[in-house]
């Protein structure tokens, strides 16, 4: 697998995993009872985006490593 292809595959995996991880542990203002004037009641109170980005990077790294091993050494490889 070439380097540009590996980068594209990793970024695709990263975004898919991010969208899967984003809803984890989110509490809306309505659920927590902390409404702020002028905001939507469904807006999250503490989204913890940095933590989710780190978890996404770790999970994506593991998934990409598994994919790379499959492509390089999997069936059909001489």
PDB file of N, CA and C in Angstrom:
ATOM      1  N   UNK A   1       0.862  -1.167   0.000  1.00  0.00           N
ATOM      2  CA  UNK A   1       0.000   0.000   0.000  1.00  0.00           C
ATOM      3  C   UNK A   1       0.907   1.228   0.000  1.00  0.00           C
ATOM      4  N   UNK A   2       0.605   2.158  -0.865  1.00  0.00           N
ATOM      5  CA  UNK A   2       1.413   3.370  -0.951  1.00  0.00           C
ATOM      6  C   UNK A   2       1.097   4.311   0.221  1.00  0.00           C
ATOM      7  N   UNK A   3       1.995   5.234   0.469  1.00  0.00           N
ATOM      8  CA  UNK A   3       1.820   6.173   1.589  1.00  0.00           C
ATOM      9  C   UNK A   3       0.581   7.056   1.422  1.00  0.00           C
ATOM     10  N   UNK A   4       0.348   7.656   0.247  1.00  0.00           N
ATOM     11  CA  UNK A   4      -0.878   8.456   0.118  1.00  0.00           C
ATOM     12  C   UNK A   4      -2.153   7.638   0.340  1.00  0.00           C
ATOM     13  N   UNK A   5      -2.166   6.396  -0.149  1.00  0.00           N
ATOM     14  CA  UNK A   5      -3.334   5.537   0.052  1.00  0.00           C
ATOM     15  C   UNK A   5      -3.505   5.213   1.535  1.00  0.00           C
ATOM     16  N   UNK A   6      -2.411   4.953   2.235  1.00  0.00           N
ATOM     17  CA  UNK A   6      -2.479   4.668   3.666  1.00  0.00           C
ATOM     18  C   UNK A   6      -3.033   5.869   4.433  1.00  0.00           C
ATOM     19  N   UNK A   7      -2.612   7.069   4.065  1.00  0.00           N
ATOM     20  CA  UNK A   7      -3.105   8.284   4.734  1.00  0.00           C
ATOM     21  C   UNK A   7      -4.603   8.449   4.511  1.00  0.00           C
ATOM     22  N   UNK A   8      -5.042   8.230   3.277  1.00  0.00           N
ATOM     23  CA  UNK A   8      -6.468   8.369   2.960  1.00  0.00           C
ATOM     24  C   UNK A   8      -7.289   7.331   3.718  1.00  0.00           C
ATOM     25  N   UNK A   9      -6.814   6.100   3.763  1.00  0.00           N
ATOM     26  CA  UNK A   9      -7.530   5.048   4.478  1.00  0.00           C
ATOM     27  C   UNK A   9      -7.594   5.371   5.968  1.00  0.00           C
ATOM     28  N   UNK A  10      -6.465   5.816   6.555  1.00  0.00           N
ATOM     29  CA  UNK A  10      -6.453   6.145   7.979  1.00  0.00           C
ATOM     30  C   UNK A  10      -7.431   7.283   8.284  1.00  0.00           C
ATOM     31  N   UNK A  11      -7.418   8.327   7.477  1.00  0.00           N
ATOM     32  CA  UNK A  11      -8.319   9.455   7.728  1.00  0.00           C
ATOM     33  C   UNK A  11      -9.787   9.048   7.576  1.00  0.00           C
ATOM     34  N   UNK A  12     -10.068   8.171   6.624  1.00  0.00           N
ATOM     35  CA  UNK A  12     -11.441   7.690   6.467  1.00  0.00           C
ATOM     36  C   UNK A  12     -11.873   6.893   7.702  1.00  0.00           C
ATOM     37  N   UNK A  13     -10.998   6.005   8.160  1.00  0.00           N
ATOM     38  CA  UNK A  13     -11.287   5.244   9.377  1.00  0.00           C
ATOM     39  C   UNK A  13     -11.463   6.189  10.559  1.00  0.00           C
ATOM     40  N   UNK A  14     -10.594   7.212  10.665  1.00  0.00           N
ATOM     41  CA  UNK A  14     -10.641   8.156  11.793  1.00  0.00           C
ATOM     42  C   UNK A  14     -11.995   8.872  11.855  1.00  0.00           C
ATOM     43  N   UNK A  15     -12.484   9.355  10.711  1.00  0.00           N
ATOM     44  CA  UNK A  15     -13.760  10.081  10.707  1.00  0.00           C
ATOM     45  C   UNK A  15     -14.930   9.162  11.030  1.00  0.00           C
ATOM     46  N   UNK A  16     -14.903   7.944  10.521  1.00  0.00           N
ATOM     47  CA  UNK A  16     -15.990   7.013  10.822  1.00  0.00           C
ATOM     48  C   UNK A  16     -16.017   6.689  12.316  1.00  0.00           C
ATOM     49  N   UNK A  17     -14.838   6.456  12.887  1.00  0.00           N
ATOM     50  CA  UNK A  17     -14.763   6.160  14.322  1.00  0.00           C
ATOM     51  C   UNK A  17     -15.179   7.384  15.140  1.00  0.00           C
ATOM     52  N   UNK A  18     -14.792   8.577  14.704  1.00  0.00           N
ATOM     53  CA  UNK A  18     -15.178   9.796  15.425  1.00  0.00           C
ATOM     54  C   UNK A  18     -16.697   9.914  15.510  1.00  0.00           C
ATOM     55  N   UNK A  19     -17.383   9.682  14.388  1.00  0.00           N
ATOM     56  CA  UNK A  19     -18.839   9.792  14.408  1.00  0.00           C
ATOM     57  C   UNK A  19     -19.478   8.711  15.262  1.00  0.00           C
ATOM     58  N   UNK A  20     -18.801   7.590  15.433  1.00  0.00           N
ATOM     59  CA  UNK A  20     -19.316   6.542  16.316  1.00  0.00           C
ATOM     60  C   UNK A  20     -19.091   6.892  17.785  1.00  0.00           C
ATOM     61  N   UNK A  21     -18.009   7.617  18.085  1.00  0.00           N
ATOM     62  CA  UNK A  21     -17.644   7.919  19.470  1.00  0.00           C
ATOM     63  C   UNK A  21     -18.284   9.221  19.970  1.00  0.00           C
ATOM     64  N   UNK A  22     -18.625  10.135  19.096  1.00  0.00           N
ATOM     65  CA  UNK A  22     -19.161  11.436  19.521  1.00  0.00           C
ATOM     66  C   UNK A  22     -20.332  11.365  20.503  1.00  0.00           C
ATOM     67  N   UNK A  23     -21.296  10.474  20.338  1.00  0.00           N
ATOM     68  CA  UNK A  23     -22.427  10.487  21.275  1.00  0.00           C
ATOM     69  C   UNK A  23     -22.133   9.894  22.649  1.00  0.00           C
ATOM     70  N   UNK A  24     -20.980   9.287  22.859  1.00  0.00           N
ATOM     71  CA  UNK A  24     -20.671   8.644  24.144  1.00  0.00           C
ATOM     72  C   UNK A  24     -20.658   9.667  25.272  1.00  0.00           C
ATOM     73  N   UNK A  25     -21.463   9.465  26.282  1.00  0.00           N
ATOM     74  CA  UNK A  25     -21.438  10.271  27.504  1.00  0.00           C
ATOM     75  C   UNK A  25     -21.949  11.687  27.365  1.00  0.00           C
ATOM     76  N   UNK A  26     -22.672  11.987  26.311  1.00  0.00           N
ATOM     77  CA  UNK A  26     -23.177  13.346  26.122  1.00  0.00           C
ATOM     78  C   UNK A  26     -24.474  13.523  26.895  1.00  0.00           C
ATOM     79  N   UNK A  27     -24.528  14.601  27.665  1.00  0.00           N
ATOM     80  CA  UNK A  27     -25.754  14.969  28.384  1.00  0.00           C
ATOM     81  C   UNK A  27     -26.167  16.352  27.892  1.00  0.00           C
ATOM     82  N   UNK A  28     -27.434  16.466  27.544  1.00  0.00           N
ATOM     83  CA  UNK A  28     -27.929  17.749  27.054  1.00  0.00           C
ATOM     84  C   UNK A  28     -28.207  18.682  28.226  1.00  0.00           C
ATOM     85  N   UNK A  29     -28.405  19.946  27.896  1.00  0.00           N
ATOM     86  CA  UNK A  29     -28.746  20.920  28.934  1.00  0.00           C
ATOM     87  C   UNK A  29     -30.093  20.566  29.562  1.00  0.00           C
ATOM     88  N   UNK A  30     -30.968  20.028  28.758  1.00  0.00           N
ATOM     89  CA  UNK A  30     -32.289  19.637  29.269  1.00  0.00           C
ATOM     90  C   UNK A  30     -32.155  18.497  30.286  1.00  0.00           C
ATOM     91  N   UNK A  31     -31.321  17.510  29.980  1.00  0.00           N
ATOM     92  CA  UNK A  31     -31.138  16.370  30.879  1.00  0.00           C
ATOM     93  C   UNK A  31     -30.451  16.774  32.182  1.00  0.00           C
ATOM     94  N   UNK A  32     -29.488  17.679  32.092  1.00  0.00           N
ATOM     95  CA  UNK A  32     -28.743  18.054  33.291  1.00  0.00           C
ATOM     96  C   UNK A  32     -29.418  19.173  34.077  1.00  0.00           C
ATOM     97  N   UNK A  33     -30.413  19.828  33.495  1.00  0.00           N
ATOM     98  CA  UNK A  33     -31.123  20.897  34.189  1.00  0.00           C
ATOM     99  C   UNK A  33     -30.368  22.206  34.237  1.00  0.00           C
ATOM    100  N   UNK A  34     -29.368  22.368  33.379  1.00  0.00           N
ATOM    101  CA  UNK A  34     -28.552  23.588  33.357  1.00  0.00           C
ATOM    102  C   UNK A  34     -28.804  24.357  32.059  1.00  0.00           C
ATOM    103  N   UNK A  35     -29.991  24.903  31.906  1.00  0.00           N
ATOM    104  CA  UNK A  35     -30.298  25.677  30.709  1.00  0.00           C
ATOM    105  C   UNK A  35     -29.644  27.028  30.769  1.00  0.00           C
ATOM    106  N   UNK A  36     -29.055  27.427  29.650  1.00  0.00           N
ATOM    107  CA  UNK A  36     -28.497  28.771  29.537  1.00  0.00           C
ATOM    108  C   UNK A  36     -29.364  29.552  28.568  1.00  0.00           C
ATOM    109  N   UNK A  37     -29.648  30.774  28.913  1.00  0.00           N
ATOM    110  CA  UNK A  37     -30.505  31.622  28.099  1.00  0.00           C
ATOM    111  C   UNK A  37     -29.915  31.783  26.695  1.00  0.00           C
ATOM    112  N   UNK A  38     -30.747  31.587  25.671  1.00  0.00           N
ATOM    113  CA  UNK A  38     -30.325  31.796  24.287  1.00  0.00           C
ATOM    114  C   UNK A  38     -29.688  30.584  23.629  1.00  0.00           C
ATOM    115  N   UNK A  39     -29.662  29.446  24.313  1.00  0.00           N
ATOM    116  CA  UNK A  39     -29.097  28.240  23.713  1.00  0.00           C
ATOM    117  C   UNK A  39     -30.182  27.185  23.566  1.00  0.00           C
ATOM    118  N   UNK A  40     -29.897  26.225  22.709  1.00  0.00           N
ATOM    119  CA  UNK A  40     -30.840  25.135  22.493  1.00  0.00           C
ATOM    120  C   UNK A  40     -30.816  24.185  23.690  1.00  0.00           C
ATOM    121  N   UNK A  41     -31.963  23.724  24.177  1.00  0.00           N
ATOM    122  CA  UNK A  41     -31.973  22.811  25.316  1.00  0.00           C
ATOM    123  C   UNK A  41     -31.288  21.474  25.019  1.00  0.00           C
ATOM    124  N   UNK A  42     -31.179  21.121  23.739  1.00  0.00           N
ATOM    125  CA  UNK A  42     -30.530  19.866  23.377  1.00  0.00           C
ATOM    126  C   UNK A  42     -29.023  19.976  23.227  1.00  0.00           C
ATOM    127  N   UNK A  43     -28.466  21.186  23.426  1.00  0.00           N
ATOM    128  CA  UNK A  43     -27.021  21.370  23.295  1.00  0.00           C
ATOM    129  C   UNK A  43     -26.305  20.661  24.444  1.00  0.00           C
ATOM    130  N   UNK A  44     -25.151  20.041  24.166  1.00  0.00           N
ATOM    131  CA  UNK A  44     -24.439  19.328  25.230  1.00  0.00           C
ATOM    132  C   UNK A  44     -23.848  20.286  26.266  1.00  0.00           C
ATOM    133  N   UNK A  45     -23.804  19.824  27.515  1.00  0.00           N
ATOM    134  CA  UNK A  45     -23.214  20.654  28.564  1.00  0.00           C
ATOM    135  C   UNK A  45     -21.691  20.541  28.559  1.00  0.00           C
ATOM    136  N   UNK A  46     -21.146  19.343  28.490  1.00  0.00           N
ATOM    137  CA  UNK A  46     -19.696  19.138  28.418  1.00  0.00           C
ATOM    138  C   UNK A  46     -19.398  18.088  27.348  1.00  0.00           C
ATOM    139  N   UNK A  47     -19.063  18.512  26.135  1.00  0.00           N
ATOM    140  CA  UNK A  47     -18.874  17.550  25.057  1.00  0.00           C
ATOM    141  C   UNK A  47     -17.565  16.742  25.153  1.00  0.00           C
ATOM    142  N   UNK A  48     -16.553  17.208  25.887  1.00  0.00           N
ATOM    143  CA  UNK A  48     -15.266  16.515  26.062  1.00  0.00           C
ATOM    144  C   UNK A  48     -14.664  16.098  24.720  1.00  0.00           C
ATOM    145  N   UNK A  49     -14.517  17.061  23.813  1.00  0.00           N
ATOM    146  CA  UNK A  49     -14.062  16.775  22.456  1.00  0.00           C
ATOM    147  C   UNK A  49     -12.603  16.329  22.406  1.00  0.00           C
ATOM    148  N   UNK A  50     -11.741  16.872  23.260  1.00  0.00           N
ATOM    149  CA  UNK A  50     -10.332  16.472  23.246  1.00  0.00           C
ATOM    150  C   UNK A  50     -10.189  15.005  23.637  1.00  0.00           C
ATOM    151  N   UNK A  51     -10.895  14.582  24.667  1.00  0.00           N
ATOM    152  CA  UNK A  51     -10.858  13.178  25.077  1.00  0.00           C
ATOM    153  C   UNK A  51     -11.382  12.274  23.963  1.00  0.00           C
ATOM    154  N   UNK A  52     -12.452  12.692  23.316  1.00  0.00           N
ATOM    155  CA  UNK A  52     -13.020  11.886  22.234  1.00  0.00           C
ATOM    156  C   UNK A  52     -12.082  11.828  21.039  1.00  0.00           C
ATOM    157  N   UNK A  53     -11.355  12.909  20.758  1.00  0.00           N
ATOM    158  CA  UNK A  53     -10.380  12.899  19.665  1.00  0.00           C
ATOM    159  C   UNK A  53      -9.229  11.948  19.983  1.00  0.00           C
ATOM    160  N   UNK A  54      -8.790  11.922  21.233  1.00  0.00           N
ATOM    161  CA  UNK A  54      -7.716  11.000  21.620  1.00  0.00           C
ATOM    162  C   UNK A  54      -8.168   9.542  21.535  1.00  0.00           C
ATOM    163  N   UNK A  55      -9.359   9.253  22.011  1.00  0.00           N
ATOM    164  CA  UNK A  55      -9.892   7.886  21.936  1.00  0.00           C
ATOM    165  C   UNK A  55     -10.070   7.489  20.473  1.00  0.00           C
ATOM    166  N   UNK A  56     -10.554   8.410  19.654  1.00  0.00           N
ATOM    167  CA  UNK A  56     -10.727   8.146  18.230  1.00  0.00           C
ATOM    168  C   UNK A  56      -9.391   7.824  17.570  1.00  0.00           C
ATOM    169  N   UNK A  57      -8.350   8.559  17.921  1.00  0.00           N
ATOM    170  CA  UNK A  57      -7.031   8.321  17.349  1.00  0.00           C
ATOM    171  C   UNK A  57      -6.498   6.947  17.738  1.00  0.00           C
ATOM    172  N   UNK A  58      -6.677   6.565  18.987  1.00  0.00           N
ATOM    173  CA  UNK A  58      -6.209   5.253  19.436  1.00  0.00           C
ATOM    174  C   UNK A  58      -6.971   4.114  18.757  1.00  0.00           C
ATOM    175  N   UNK A  59      -8.281   4.210  18.729  1.00  0.00           N
ATOM    176  CA  UNK A  59      -9.096   3.161  18.110  1.00  0.00           C
ATOM    177  C   UNK A  59      -8.806   3.085  16.608  1.00  0.00           C
ATOM    178  N   UNK A  60      -8.669   4.234  15.967  1.00  0.00           N
ATOM    179  CA  UNK A  60      -8.373   4.253  14.533  1.00  0.00           C
ATOM    180  C   UNK A  60      -7.007   3.658  14.237  1.00  0.00           C
ATOM    181  N   UNK A  61      -6.044   3.904  15.108  1.00  0.00           N
ATOM    182  CA  UNK A  61      -4.719   3.318  14.923  1.00  0.00           C
ATOM    183  C   UNK A  61      -4.759   1.803  14.972  1.00  0.00           C
ATOM    184  N   UNK A  62      -5.512   1.255  15.906  1.00  0.00           N
ATOM    185  CA  UNK A  62      -5.637  -0.200  16.020  1.00  0.00           C
ATOM    186  C   UNK A  62      -6.352  -0.771  14.787  1.00  0.00           C
ATOM    187  N   UNK A  63      -7.436  -0.138  14.373  1.00  0.00           N
ATOM    188  CA  UNK A  63      -8.172  -0.612  13.204  1.00  0.00           C
ATOM    189  C   UNK A  63      -7.336  -0.501  11.933  1.00  0.00           C
ATOM    190  N   UNK A  64      -6.592   0.603  11.800  1.00  0.00           N
ATOM    191  CA  UNK A  64      -5.745   0.765  10.614  1.00  0.00           C
ATOM    192  C   UNK A  64      -4.627  -0.269  10.609  1.00  0.00           C
ATOM    193  N   UNK A  65      -4.039  -0.549  11.754  1.00  0.00           N
ATOM    194  CA  UNK A  65      -2.983  -1.565  11.827  1.00  0.00           C
ATOM    195  C   UNK A  65      -3.522  -2.927  11.399  1.00  0.00           C
ATOM    196  N   UNK A  66      -4.715  -3.267  11.852  1.00  0.00           N
ATOM    197  CA  UNK A  66      -5.326  -4.538  11.456  1.00  0.00           C
ATOM    198  C   UNK A  66      -5.592  -4.559   9.950  1.00  0.00           C
ATOM    199  N   UNK A  67      -6.087  -3.454   9.413  1.00  0.00           N
ATOM    200  CA  UNK A  67      -6.332  -3.367   7.972  1.00  0.00           C
ATOM    201  C   UNK A  67      -5.031  -3.483   7.183  1.00  0.00           C
ATOM    202  N   UNK A  68      -3.998  -2.799   7.627  1.00  0.00           N
ATOM    203  CA  UNK A  68      -2.709  -2.827   6.931  1.00  0.00           C
ATOM    204  C   UNK A  68      -2.115  -4.235   6.936  1.00  0.00           C
ATOM    205  N   UNK A  69      -2.191  -4.910   8.070  1.00  0.00           N
ATOM    206  CA  UNK A  69      -1.686  -6.284   8.154  1.00  0.00           C
ATOM    207  C   UNK A  69      -2.467  -7.183   7.203  1.00  0.00           C
ATOM    208  N   UNK A  70      -3.774  -7.001   7.136  1.00  0.00           N
ATOM    209  CA  UNK A  70      -4.596  -7.808   6.232  1.00  0.00           C
ATOM    210  C   UNK A  70      -4.203  -7.551   4.763  1.00  0.00           C
ATOM    211  N   UNK A  71      -3.997  -6.288   4.421  1.00  0.00           N
ATOM    212  CA  UNK A  71      -3.659  -5.957   3.038  1.00  0.00           C
ATOM    213  C   UNK A  71      -2.269  -6.480   2.671  1.00  0.00           C
ATOM    214  N   UNK A  72      -1.312  -6.354   3.567  1.00  0.00           N
ATOM    215  CA  UNK A  72       0.063  -6.745   3.265  1.00  0.00           C
ATOM    216  C   UNK A  72       0.286  -8.247   3.344  1.00  0.00           C
ATOM    217  N   UNK A  73      -0.346  -8.922   4.302  1.00  0.00           N
ATOM    218  CA  UNK A  73      -0.049 -10.333   4.549  1.00  0.00           C
ATOM    219  C   UNK A  73      -1.264 -11.246   4.432  1.00  0.00           C
ATOM    220  N   UNK A  74      -2.391 -10.706   4.019  1.00  0.00           N
ATOM    221  CA  UNK A  74      -3.620 -11.497   3.983  1.00  0.00           C
ATOM    222  C   UNK A  74      -3.695 -12.437   2.800  1.00  0.00           C
ATOM    223  N   UNK A  75      -4.862 -13.012   2.601  1.00  0.00           N
ATOM    224  CA  UNK A  75      -5.027 -13.956   1.499  1.00  0.00           C
ATOM    225  C   UNK A  75      -4.808 -13.275   0.144  1.00  0.00           C
ATOM    226  N   UNK A  76      -4.229 -14.011  -0.758  1.00  0.00           N
ATOM    227  CA  UNK A  76      -3.957 -13.469  -2.072  1.00  0.00           C
ATOM    228  C   UNK A  76      -2.618 -12.783  -2.193  1.00  0.00           C
ATOM    229  N   UNK A  77      -1.856 -12.730  -1.097  1.00  0.00           N
ATOM    230  CA  UNK A  77      -0.541 -12.126  -1.108  1.00  0.00           C
ATOM    231  C   UNK A  77       0.489 -13.219  -1.386  1.00  0.00           C
ATOM    232  N   UNK A  78       1.337 -13.015  -2.396  1.00  0.00           N
ATOM    233  CA  UNK A  78       2.337 -14.058  -2.710  1.00  0.00           C
ATOM    234  C   UNK A  78       3.379 -14.223  -1.646  1.00  0.00           C
TER     235      UNK A  78
END
